[in-house]
mmCIF file of all heavy atoms, coordinates in Angstrom:
data_MODEL
# 
_entry.id   MODEL 
# 
loop_
_atom_site.group_PDB 
_atom_site.id 
_atom_site.type_symbol 
_atom_site.label_atom_id 
_atom_site.label_alt_id 
_atom_site.label_comp_id 
_atom_site.label_asym_id 
_atom_site.label_entity_id 
_atom_site.label_seq_id 
_atom_site.pdbx_PDB_ins_code 
_atom_site.Cartn_x 
_atom_site.Cartn_y 
_atom_site.Cartn_z 
_atom_site.occupancy 
_atom_site.B_iso_or_equiv 
_atom_site.pdbx_formal_charge 
_atom_site.auth_seq_id 
_atom_site.auth_comp_id 
_atom_site.auth_asym_id 
_atom_site.auth_atom_id 
_atom_site.pdbx_PDB_model_num 
ATOM 1   N N   . PHE A 1 1  ? -6.173  11.788  12.501  1.00 0.00 ? 1  PHE A N   1 
ATOM 2   C CA  . PHE A 1 1  ? -7.025  10.686  12.961  1.00 0.00 ? 1  PHE A CA  1 
ATOM 3   C C   . PHE A 1 1  ? -6.316  9.360   12.667  1.00 0.00 ? 1  PHE A C   1 
ATOM 4   O O   . PHE A 1 1  ? -6.570  8.713   11.647  1.00 0.00 ? 1  PHE A O   1 
ATOM 5   C CB  . PHE A 1 1  ? -8.379  10.745  12.256  1.00 0.00 ? 1  PHE A CB  1 
ATOM 6   C CG  . PHE A 1 1  ? -9.389  9.787   12.832  1.00 0.00 ? 1  PHE A CG  1 
ATOM 7   C CD1 . PHE A 1 1  ? -9.743  9.821   14.176  1.00 0.00 ? 1  PHE A CD1 1 
ATOM 8   C CD2 . PHE A 1 1  ? -10.000 8.833   12.012  1.00 0.00 ? 1  PHE A CD2 1 
ATOM 9   C CE1 . PHE A 1 1  ? -10.679 8.934   14.701  1.00 0.00 ? 1  PHE A CE1 1 
ATOM 10  C CE2 . PHE A 1 1  ? -10.935 7.944   12.516  1.00 0.00 ? 1  PHE A CE2 1 
ATOM 11  C CZ  . PHE A 1 1  ? -11.269 8.002   13.872  1.00 0.00 ? 1  PHE A CZ  1 
ATOM 12  N N   . PRO A 1 2  ? -5.361  8.948   13.527  1.00 0.00 ? 2  PRO A N   1 
ATOM 13  C CA  . PRO A 1 2  ? -4.555  7.750   13.278  1.00 0.00 ? 2  PRO A CA  1 
ATOM 14  C C   . PRO A 1 2  ? -5.340  6.488   12.933  1.00 0.00 ? 2  PRO A C   1 
ATOM 15  O O   . PRO A 1 2  ? -4.866  5.699   12.099  1.00 0.00 ? 2  PRO A O   1 
ATOM 16  C CB  . PRO A 1 2  ? -3.768  7.587   14.583  1.00 0.00 ? 2  PRO A CB  1 
ATOM 17  C CG  . PRO A 1 2  ? -3.643  8.984   15.101  1.00 0.00 ? 2  PRO A CG  1 
ATOM 18  C CD  . PRO A 1 2  ? -4.942  9.650   14.746  1.00 0.00 ? 2  PRO A CD  1 
ATOM 19  N N   . PRO A 1 3  ? -6.539  6.234   13.547  1.00 0.00 ? 3  PRO A N   1 
ATOM 20  C CA  . PRO A 1 3  ? -7.263  5.014   13.140  1.00 0.00 ? 3  PRO A CA  1 
ATOM 21  C C   . PRO A 1 3  ? -7.562  4.967   11.645  1.00 0.00 ? 3  PRO A C   1 
ATOM 22  O O   . PRO A 1 3  ? -7.571  3.890   11.035  1.00 0.00 ? 3  PRO A O   1 
ATOM 23  C CB  . PRO A 1 3  ? -8.550  5.088   13.969  1.00 0.00 ? 3  PRO A CB  1 
ATOM 24  C CG  . PRO A 1 3  ? -8.160  5.862   15.189  1.00 0.00 ? 3  PRO A CG  1 
ATOM 25  C CD  . PRO A 1 3  ? -7.195  6.892   14.693  1.00 0.00 ? 3  PRO A CD  1 
ATOM 26  N N   . LEU A 1 4  ? -7.824  6.140   11.041  1.00 0.00 ? 4  LEU A N   1 
ATOM 27  C CA  . LEU A 1 4  ? -8.057  6.174   9.596   1.00 0.00 ? 4  LEU A CA  1 
ATOM 28  C C   . LEU A 1 4  ? -6.806  5.754   8.844   1.00 0.00 ? 4  LEU A C   1 
ATOM 29  O O   . LEU A 1 4  ? -6.881  4.994   7.860   1.00 0.00 ? 4  LEU A O   1 
ATOM 30  C CB  . LEU A 1 4  ? -8.478  7.584   9.170   1.00 0.00 ? 4  LEU A CB  1 
ATOM 31  C CG  . LEU A 1 4  ? -8.651  7.808   7.656   1.00 0.00 ? 4  LEU A CG  1 
ATOM 32  C CD1 . LEU A 1 4  ? -9.760  6.925   7.117   1.00 0.00 ? 4  LEU A CD1 1 
ATOM 33  C CD2 . LEU A 1 4  ? -8.929  9.277   7.369   1.00 0.00 ? 4  LEU A CD2 1 
ATOM 34  N N   . ALA A 1 5  ? -5.641  6.221   9.304   1.00 0.00 ? 5  ALA A N   1 
ATOM 35  C CA  . ALA A 1 5  ? -4.387  5.855   8.651   1.00 0.00 ? 5  ALA A CA  1 
ATOM 36  C C   . ALA A 1 5  ? -4.126  4.354   8.762   1.00 0.00 ? 5  ALA A C   1 
ATOM 37  O O   . ALA A 1 5  ? -3.613  3.734   7.830   1.00 0.00 ? 5  ALA A O   1 
ATOM 38  C CB  . ALA A 1 5  ? -3.229  6.638   9.263   1.00 0.00 ? 5  ALA A CB  1 
ATOM 39  N N   . LEU A 1 6  ? -4.487  3.760   9.906   1.00 0.00 ? 6  LEU A N   1 
ATOM 40  C CA  . LEU A 1 6  ? -4.301  2.320   10.072  1.00 0.00 ? 6  LEU A CA  1 
ATOM 41  C C   . LEU A 1 6  ? -5.117  1.535   9.058   1.00 0.00 ? 6  LEU A C   1 
ATOM 42  O O   . LEU A 1 6  ? -4.667  0.533   8.504   1.00 0.00 ? 6  LEU A O   1 
ATOM 43  C CB  . LEU A 1 6  ? -4.693  1.899   11.486  1.00 0.00 ? 6  LEU A CB  1 
ATOM 44  C CG  . LEU A 1 6  ? -3.812  2.435   12.625  1.00 0.00 ? 6  LEU A CG  1 
ATOM 45  C CD1 . LEU A 1 6  ? -4.357  1.979   13.965  1.00 0.00 ? 6  LEU A CD1 1 
ATOM 46  C CD2 . LEU A 1 6  ? -2.374  1.985   12.442  1.00 0.00 ? 6  LEU A CD2 1 
ATOM 47  N N   . ILE A 1 7  ? -6.340  2.002   8.802   1.00 0.00 ? 7  ILE A N   1 
ATOM 48  C CA  . ILE A 1 7  ? -7.219  1.298   7.859   1.00 0.00 ? 7  ILE A CA  1 
ATOM 49  C C   . ILE A 1 7  ? -6.754  1.516   6.422   1.00 0.00 ? 7  ILE A C   1 
ATOM 50  O O   . ILE A 1 7  ? -6.622  0.571   5.643   1.00 0.00 ? 7  ILE A O   1 
ATOM 51  C CB  . ILE A 1 7  ? -8.676  1.782   8.035   1.00 0.00 ? 7  ILE A CB  1 
ATOM 52  C CG1 . ILE A 1 7  ? -9.183  1.414   9.429   1.00 0.00 ? 7  ILE A CG1 1 
ATOM 53  C CG2 . ILE A 1 7  ? -9.570  1.182   6.961   1.00 0.00 ? 7  ILE A CG2 1 
ATOM 54  C CD1 . ILE A 1 7  ? -10.533 2.013   9.768   1.00 0.00 ? 7  ILE A CD1 1 
ATOM 55  N N   . VAL A 1 8  ? -6.483  2.775   6.080   1.00 0.00 ? 8  VAL A N   1 
ATOM 56  C CA  . VAL A 1 8  ? -6.102  3.110   4.701   1.00 0.00 ? 8  VAL A CA  1 
ATOM 57  C C   . VAL A 1 8  ? -4.701  2.603   4.382   1.00 0.00 ? 8  VAL A C   1 
ATOM 58  O O   . VAL A 1 8  ? -4.353  2.414   3.210   1.00 0.00 ? 8  VAL A O   1 
ATOM 59  C CB  . VAL A 1 8  ? -6.187  4.636   4.485   1.00 0.00 ? 8  VAL A CB  1 
ATOM 60  C CG1 . VAL A 1 8  ? -5.754  5.016   3.087   1.00 0.00 ? 8  VAL A CG1 1 
ATOM 61  C CG2 . VAL A 1 8  ? -7.609  5.121   4.720   1.00 0.00 ? 8  VAL A CG2 1 
ATOM 62  N N   . GLY A 1 9  ? -3.888  2.345   5.414   1.00 0.00 ? 9  GLY A N   1 
ATOM 63  C CA  . GLY A 1 9  ? -2.536  1.873   5.183   1.00 0.00 ? 9  GLY A CA  1 
ATOM 64  C C   . GLY A 1 9  ? -2.480  0.563   4.424   1.00 0.00 ? 9  GLY A C   1 
ATOM 65  O O   . GLY A 1 9  ? -1.527  0.319   3.670   1.00 0.00 ? 9  GLY A O   1 
ATOM 66  N N   . PHE A 1 10 ? -3.494  -0.291  4.590   1.00 0.00 ? 10 PHE A N   1 
ATOM 67  C CA  . PHE A 1 10 ? -3.487  -1.587  3.910   1.00 0.00 ? 10 PHE A CA  1 
ATOM 68  C C   . PHE A 1 10 ? -3.616  -1.448  2.390   1.00 0.00 ? 10 PHE A C   1 
ATOM 69  O O   . PHE A 1 10 ? -2.778  -1.978  1.650   1.00 0.00 ? 10 PHE A O   1 
ATOM 70  C CB  . PHE A 1 10 ? -4.580  -2.488  4.486   1.00 0.00 ? 10 PHE A CB  1 
ATOM 71  C CG  . PHE A 1 10 ? -4.231  -3.061  5.822   1.00 0.00 ? 10 PHE A CG  1 
ATOM 72  C CD1 . PHE A 1 10 ? -4.506  -2.360  6.988   1.00 0.00 ? 10 PHE A CD1 1 
ATOM 73  C CD2 . PHE A 1 10 ? -3.600  -4.284  5.928   1.00 0.00 ? 10 PHE A CD2 1 
ATOM 74  C CE1 . PHE A 1 10 ? -4.169  -2.875  8.226   1.00 0.00 ? 10 PHE A CE1 1 
ATOM 75  C CE2 . PHE A 1 10 ? -3.256  -4.830  7.159   1.00 0.00 ? 10 PHE A CE2 1 
ATOM 76  C CZ  . PHE A 1 10 ? -3.546  -4.111  8.320   1.00 0.00 ? 10 PHE A CZ  1 
ATOM 77  N N   . PRO A 1 11 ? -4.648  -0.755  1.867   1.00 0.00 ? 11 PRO A N   1 
ATOM 78  C CA  . PRO A 1 11 ? -4.696  -0.602  0.407   1.00 0.00 ? 11 PRO A CA  1 
ATOM 79  C C   . PRO A 1 11 ? -3.536  0.220   -0.138  1.00 0.00 ? 11 PRO A C   1 
ATOM 80  O O   . PRO A 1 11 ? -3.075  -0.032  -1.256  1.00 0.00 ? 11 PRO A O   1 
ATOM 81  C CB  . PRO A 1 11 ? -6.042  0.094   0.162   1.00 0.00 ? 11 PRO A CB  1 
ATOM 82  C CG  . PRO A 1 11 ? -6.414  0.721   1.461   1.00 0.00 ? 11 PRO A CG  1 
ATOM 83  C CD  . PRO A 1 11 ? -5.840  -0.180  2.514   1.00 0.00 ? 11 PRO A CD  1 
ATOM 84  N N   . MET A 1 12 ? -3.042  1.197   0.627   1.00 0.00 ? 12 MET A N   1 
ATOM 85  C CA  . MET A 1 12 ? -1.916  1.993   0.154   1.00 0.00 ? 12 MET A CA  1 
ATOM 86  C C   . MET A 1 12 ? -0.674  1.121   -0.025  1.00 0.00 ? 12 MET A C   1 
ATOM 87  O O   . MET A 1 12 ? -0.009  1.166   -1.068  1.00 0.00 ? 12 MET A O   1 
ATOM 88  C CB  . MET A 1 12 ? -1.624  3.125   1.141   1.00 0.00 ? 12 MET A CB  1 
ATOM 89  C CG  . MET A 1 12 ? -0.499  4.045   0.670   1.00 0.00 ? 12 MET A CG  1 
ATOM 90  S SD  . MET A 1 12 ? 0.070   5.223   1.930   1.00 0.00 ? 12 MET A SD  1 
ATOM 91  C CE  . MET A 1 12 ? 1.026   4.114   2.979   1.00 0.00 ? 12 MET A CE  1 
ATOM 92  N N   . MET A 1 13 ? -0.351  0.310   0.991   1.00 0.00 ? 13 MET A N   1 
ATOM 93  C CA  . MET A 1 13 ? 0.843   -0.516  0.903   1.00 0.00 ? 13 MET A CA  1 
ATOM 94  C C   . MET A 1 13 ? 0.678   -1.616  -0.149  1.00 0.00 ? 13 MET A C   1 
ATOM 95  O O   . MET A 1 13 ? 1.644   -1.985  -0.829  1.00 0.00 ? 13 MET A O   1 
ATOM 96  C CB  . MET A 1 13 ? 1.149   -1.134  2.274   1.00 0.00 ? 13 MET A CB  1 
ATOM 97  C CG  . MET A 1 13 ? 2.563   -1.682  2.394   1.00 0.00 ? 13 MET A CG  1 
ATOM 98  S SD  . MET A 1 13 ? 3.858   -0.465  2.020   1.00 0.00 ? 13 MET A SD  1 
ATOM 99  C CE  . MET A 1 13 ? 3.516   0.801   3.259   1.00 0.00 ? 13 MET A CE  1 
ATOM 100 N N   . ALA A 1 14 ? -0.544  -2.112  -0.325  1.00 0.00 ? 14 ALA A N   1 
ATOM 101 C CA  . ALA A 1 14 ? -0.783  -3.118  -1.362  1.00 0.00 ? 14 ALA A CA  1 
ATOM 102 C C   . ALA A 1 14 ? -0.510  -2.534  -2.743  1.00 0.00 ? 14 ALA A C   1 
ATOM 103 O O   . ALA A 1 14 ? 0.080   -3.196  -3.616  1.00 0.00 ? 14 ALA A O   1 
ATOM 104 C CB  . ALA A 1 14 ? -2.221  -3.633  -1.267  1.00 0.00 ? 14 ALA A CB  1 
ATOM 105 N N   . GLN A 1 15 ? -0.930  -1.293  -2.965  1.00 0.00 ? 15 GLN A N   1 
ATOM 106 C CA  . GLN A 1 15 ? -0.686  -0.647  -4.260  1.00 0.00 ? 15 GLN A CA  1 
ATOM 107 C C   . GLN A 1 15 ? 0.807   -0.425  -4.488  1.00 0.00 ? 15 GLN A C   1 
ATOM 108 O O   . GLN A 1 15 ? 1.314   -0.638  -5.597  1.00 0.00 ? 15 GLN A O   1 
ATOM 109 C CB  . GLN A 1 15 ? -1.430  0.689   -4.324  1.00 0.00 ? 15 GLN A CB  1 
ATOM 110 C CG  . GLN A 1 15 ? -2.931  0.556   -4.400  1.00 0.00 ? 15 GLN A CG  1 
ATOM 111 C CD  . GLN A 1 15 ? -3.628  1.906   -4.505  1.00 0.00 ? 15 GLN A CD  1 
ATOM 112 O OE1 . GLN A 1 15 ? -3.083  2.867   -5.035  1.00 0.00 ? 15 GLN A OE1 1 
ATOM 113 N NE2 . GLN A 1 15 ? -4.851  1.979   -4.000  1.00 0.00 ? 15 GLN A NE2 1 
ATOM 114 N N   . ILE A 1 16 ? 1.516   0.003   -3.451  1.00 0.00 ? 16 ILE A N   1 
ATOM 115 C CA  . ILE A 1 16 ? 2.956   0.206   -3.581  1.00 0.00 ? 16 ILE A CA  1 
ATOM 116 C C   . ILE A 1 16 ? 3.653   -1.106  -3.949  1.00 0.00 ? 16 ILE A C   1 
ATOM 117 O O   . ILE A 1 16 ? 4.504   -1.142  -4.852  1.00 0.00 ? 16 ILE A O   1 
ATOM 118 C CB  . ILE A 1 16 ? 3.539   0.776   -2.275  1.00 0.00 ? 16 ILE A CB  1 
ATOM 119 C CG1 . ILE A 1 16 ? 3.086   2.228   -2.078  1.00 0.00 ? 16 ILE A CG1 1 
ATOM 120 C CG2 . ILE A 1 16 ? 5.065   0.696   -2.272  1.00 0.00 ? 16 ILE A CG2 1 
ATOM 121 C CD1 . ILE A 1 16 ? 3.542   2.846   -0.771  1.00 0.00 ? 16 ILE A CD1 1 
ATOM 122 N N   . CYS A 1 17 ? 3.291   -2.184  -3.269  1.00 0.00 ? 17 CYS A N   1 
ATOM 123 C CA  . CYS A 1 17 ? 3.932   -3.479  -3.529  1.00 0.00 ? 17 CYS A CA  1 
ATOM 124 C C   . CYS A 1 17 ? 3.631   -3.976  -4.942  1.00 0.00 ? 17 CYS A C   1 
ATOM 125 O O   . CYS A 1 17 ? 4.520   -4.503  -5.619  1.00 0.00 ? 17 CYS A O   1 
ATOM 126 C CB  . CYS A 1 17 ? 3.493   -4.507  -2.489  1.00 0.00 ? 17 CYS A CB  1 
ATOM 127 S SG  . CYS A 1 17 ? 4.124   -4.187  -0.821  1.00 0.00 ? 17 CYS A SG  1 
ATOM 128 N N   . ARG A 1 18 ? 2.393   -3.817  -5.402  1.00 0.00 ? 18 ARG A N   1 
ATOM 129 C CA  . ARG A 1 18 ? 2.066   -4.239  -6.766  1.00 0.00 ? 18 ARG A CA  1 
ATOM 130 C C   . ARG A 1 18 ? 2.871   -3.433  -7.782  1.00 0.00 ? 18 ARG A C   1 
ATOM 131 O O   . ARG A 1 18 ? 3.360   -3.979  -8.778  1.00 0.00 ? 18 ARG A O   1 
ATOM 132 C CB  . ARG A 1 18 ? 0.567   -4.075  -7.030  1.00 0.00 ? 18 ARG A CB  1 
ATOM 133 C CG  . ARG A 1 18 ? -0.292  -5.168  -6.427  1.00 0.00 ? 18 ARG A CG  1 
ATOM 134 C CD  . ARG A 1 18 ? -1.673  -5.197  -7.057  1.00 0.00 ? 18 ARG A CD  1 
ATOM 135 N NE  . ARG A 1 18 ? -2.395  -3.940  -6.830  1.00 0.00 ? 18 ARG A NE  1 
ATOM 136 C CZ  . ARG A 1 18 ? -3.195  -3.716  -5.802  1.00 0.00 ? 18 ARG A CZ  1 
ATOM 137 N NH1 . ARG A 1 18 ? -3.372  -4.666  -4.889  1.00 0.00 ? 18 ARG A NH1 1 
ATOM 138 N NH2 . ARG A 1 18 ? -3.828  -2.574  -5.665  1.00 0.00 ? 18 ARG A NH2 1 
ATOM 139 N N   . GLY A 1 19 ? 3.008   -2.139  -7.535  1.00 0.00 ? 19 GLY A N   1 
ATOM 140 C CA  . GLY A 1 19 ? 3.756   -1.307  -8.459  1.00 0.00 ? 19 GLY A CA  1 
ATOM 141 C C   . GLY A 1 19 ? 5.235   -1.668  -8.510  1.00 0.00 ? 19 GLY A C   1 
ATOM 142 O O   . GLY A 1 19 ? 5.818   -1.797  -9.590  1.00 0.00 ? 19 GLY A O   1 
ATOM 143 N N   . VAL A 1 20 ? 5.854   -1.828  -7.341  1.00 0.00 ? 20 VAL A N   1 
ATOM 144 C CA  . VAL A 1 20 ? 7.277   -2.177  -7.303  1.00 0.00 ? 20 VAL A CA  1 
ATOM 145 C C   . VAL A 1 20 ? 7.518   -3.527  -7.972  1.00 0.00 ? 20 VAL A C   1 
ATOM 146 O O   . VAL A 1 20 ? 8.477   -3.698  -8.739  1.00 0.00 ? 20 VAL A O   1 
ATOM 147 C CB  . VAL A 1 20 ? 7.789   -2.191  -5.851  1.00 0.00 ? 20 VAL A CB  1 
ATOM 148 C CG1 . VAL A 1 20 ? 9.207   -2.761  -5.776  1.00 0.00 ? 20 VAL A CG1 1 
ATOM 149 C CG2 . VAL A 1 20 ? 7.763   -0.782  -5.270  1.00 0.00 ? 20 VAL A CG2 1 
ATOM 150 N N   . ASN A 1 21 ? 6.650   -4.488  -7.709  1.00 0.00 ? 21 ASN A N   1 
ATOM 151 C CA  . ASN A 1 21 ? 6.848   -5.820  -8.288  1.00 0.00 ? 21 ASN A CA  1 
ATOM 152 C C   . ASN A 1 21 ? 6.623   -5.836  -9.788  1.00 0.00 ? 21 ASN A C   1 
ATOM 153 O O   . ASN A 1 21 ? 7.165   -6.701  -10.494 1.00 0.00 ? 21 ASN A O   1 
ATOM 154 C CB  . ASN A 1 21 ? 5.939   -6.829  -7.589  1.00 0.00 ? 21 ASN A CB  1 
ATOM 155 C CG  . ASN A 1 21 ? 6.413   -7.152  -6.185  1.00 0.00 ? 21 ASN A CG  1 
ATOM 156 O OD1 . ASN A 1 21 ? 7.581   -6.981  -5.858  1.00 0.00 ? 21 ASN A OD1 1 
ATOM 157 N ND2 . ASN A 1 21 ? 5.515   -7.608  -5.335  1.00 0.00 ? 21 ASN A ND2 1 
ATOM 158 N N   . PHE A 1 22 ? 5.839   -4.892  -10.308 1.00 0.00 ? 22 PHE A N   1 
ATOM 159 C CA  . PHE A 1 22 ? 5.727   -4.774  -11.768 1.00 0.00 ? 22 PHE A CA  1 
ATOM 160 C C   . PHE A 1 22 ? 7.100   -4.475  -12.361 1.00 0.00 ? 22 PHE A C   1 
ATOM 161 O O   . PHE A 1 22 ? 7.497   -5.066  -13.371 1.00 0.00 ? 22 PHE A O   1 
ATOM 162 C CB  . PHE A 1 22 ? 4.745   -3.663  -12.135 1.00 0.00 ? 22 PHE A CB  1 
ATOM 163 C CG  . PHE A 1 22 ? 4.725   -3.342  -13.606 1.00 0.00 ? 22 PHE A CG  1 
ATOM 164 C CD1 . PHE A 1 22 ? 3.915   -4.073  -14.474 1.00 0.00 ? 22 PHE A CD1 1 
ATOM 165 C CD2 . PHE A 1 22 ? 5.518   -2.333  -14.127 1.00 0.00 ? 22 PHE A CD2 1 
ATOM 166 C CE1 . PHE A 1 22 ? 3.913   -3.790  -15.832 1.00 0.00 ? 22 PHE A CE1 1 
ATOM 167 C CE2 . PHE A 1 22 ? 5.511   -2.040  -15.485 1.00 0.00 ? 22 PHE A CE2 1 
ATOM 168 C CZ  . PHE A 1 22 ? 4.701   -2.769  -16.337 1.00 0.00 ? 22 PHE A CZ  1 
ATOM 169 N N   . PHE A 1 23 ? 7.851   -3.570  -11.730 1.00 0.00 ? 23 PHE A N   1 
ATOM 170 C CA  . PHE A 1 23 ? 9.184   -3.234  -12.217 1.00 0.00 ? 23 PHE A CA  1 
ATOM 171 C C   . PHE A 1 23 ? 10.172  -4.366  -11.923 1.00 0.00 ? 23 PHE A C   1 
ATOM 172 O O   . PHE A 1 23 ? 11.092  -4.615  -12.707 1.00 0.00 ? 23 PHE A O   1 
ATOM 173 C CB  . PHE A 1 23 ? 9.674   -1.934  -11.584 1.00 0.00 ? 23 PHE A CB  1 
ATOM 174 C CG  . PHE A 1 23 ? 9.107   -0.700  -12.222 1.00 0.00 ? 23 PHE A CG  1 
ATOM 175 C CD1 . PHE A 1 23 ? 7.889   -0.177  -11.806 1.00 0.00 ? 23 PHE A CD1 1 
ATOM 176 C CD2 . PHE A 1 23 ? 9.775   -0.068  -13.253 1.00 0.00 ? 23 PHE A CD2 1 
ATOM 177 C CE1 . PHE A 1 23 ? 7.361   0.960   -12.392 1.00 0.00 ? 23 PHE A CE1 1 
ATOM 178 C CE2 . PHE A 1 23 ? 9.255   1.070   -13.852 1.00 0.00 ? 23 PHE A CE2 1 
ATOM 179 C CZ  . PHE A 1 23 ? 8.038   1.588   -13.429 1.00 0.00 ? 23 PHE A CZ  1 
ATOM 180 N N   . ALA A 1 24 ? 10.006  -5.042  -10.782 1.00 0.00 ? 24 ALA A N   1 
ATOM 181 C CA  . ALA A 1 24 ? 10.929  -6.121  -10.421 1.00 0.00 ? 24 ALA A CA  1 
ATOM 182 C C   . ALA A 1 24 ? 10.859  -7.273  -11.420 1.00 0.00 ? 24 ALA A C   1 
ATOM 183 O O   . ALA A 1 24 ? 11.876  -7.898  -11.725 1.00 0.00 ? 24 ALA A O   1 
ATOM 184 C CB  . ALA A 1 24 ? 10.623  -6.617  -9.009  1.00 0.00 ? 24 ALA A CB  1 
ATOM 185 N N   . PHE A 1 25 ? 9.671   -7.551  -11.927 1.00 0.00 ? 25 PHE A N   1 
ATOM 186 C CA  . PHE A 1 25 ? 9.495   -8.658  -12.861 1.00 0.00 ? 25 PHE A CA  1 
ATOM 187 C C   . PHE A 1 25 ? 9.391   -8.180  -14.308 1.00 0.00 ? 25 PHE A C   1 
ATOM 188 O O   . PHE A 1 25 ? 8.994   -8.933  -15.184 1.00 0.00 ? 25 PHE A O   1 
ATOM 189 C CB  . PHE A 1 25 ? 8.253   -9.469  -12.488 1.00 0.00 ? 25 PHE A CB  1 
ATOM 190 C CG  . PHE A 1 25 ? 8.408   -10.226 -11.210 1.00 0.00 ? 25 PHE A CG  1 
ATOM 191 C CD1 . PHE A 1 25 ? 7.899   -9.714  -10.032 1.00 0.00 ? 25 PHE A CD1 1 
ATOM 192 C CD2 . PHE A 1 25 ? 9.107   -11.418 -11.171 1.00 0.00 ? 25 PHE A CD2 1 
ATOM 193 C CE1 . PHE A 1 25 ? 8.047   -10.400 -8.833  1.00 0.00 ? 25 PHE A CE1 1 
ATOM 194 C CE2 . PHE A 1 25 ? 9.260   -12.112 -9.985  1.00 0.00 ? 25 PHE A CE2 1 
ATOM 195 C CZ  . PHE A 1 25 ? 8.740   -11.599 -8.807  1.00 0.00 ? 25 PHE A CZ  1 
# 
């Protein structure tokens, strides 16, 4: 169900970015 992936993609990518930036800083 691709529309679900489009919606859930936002919180998923936000979590990934927060995690990576924790290590970056």
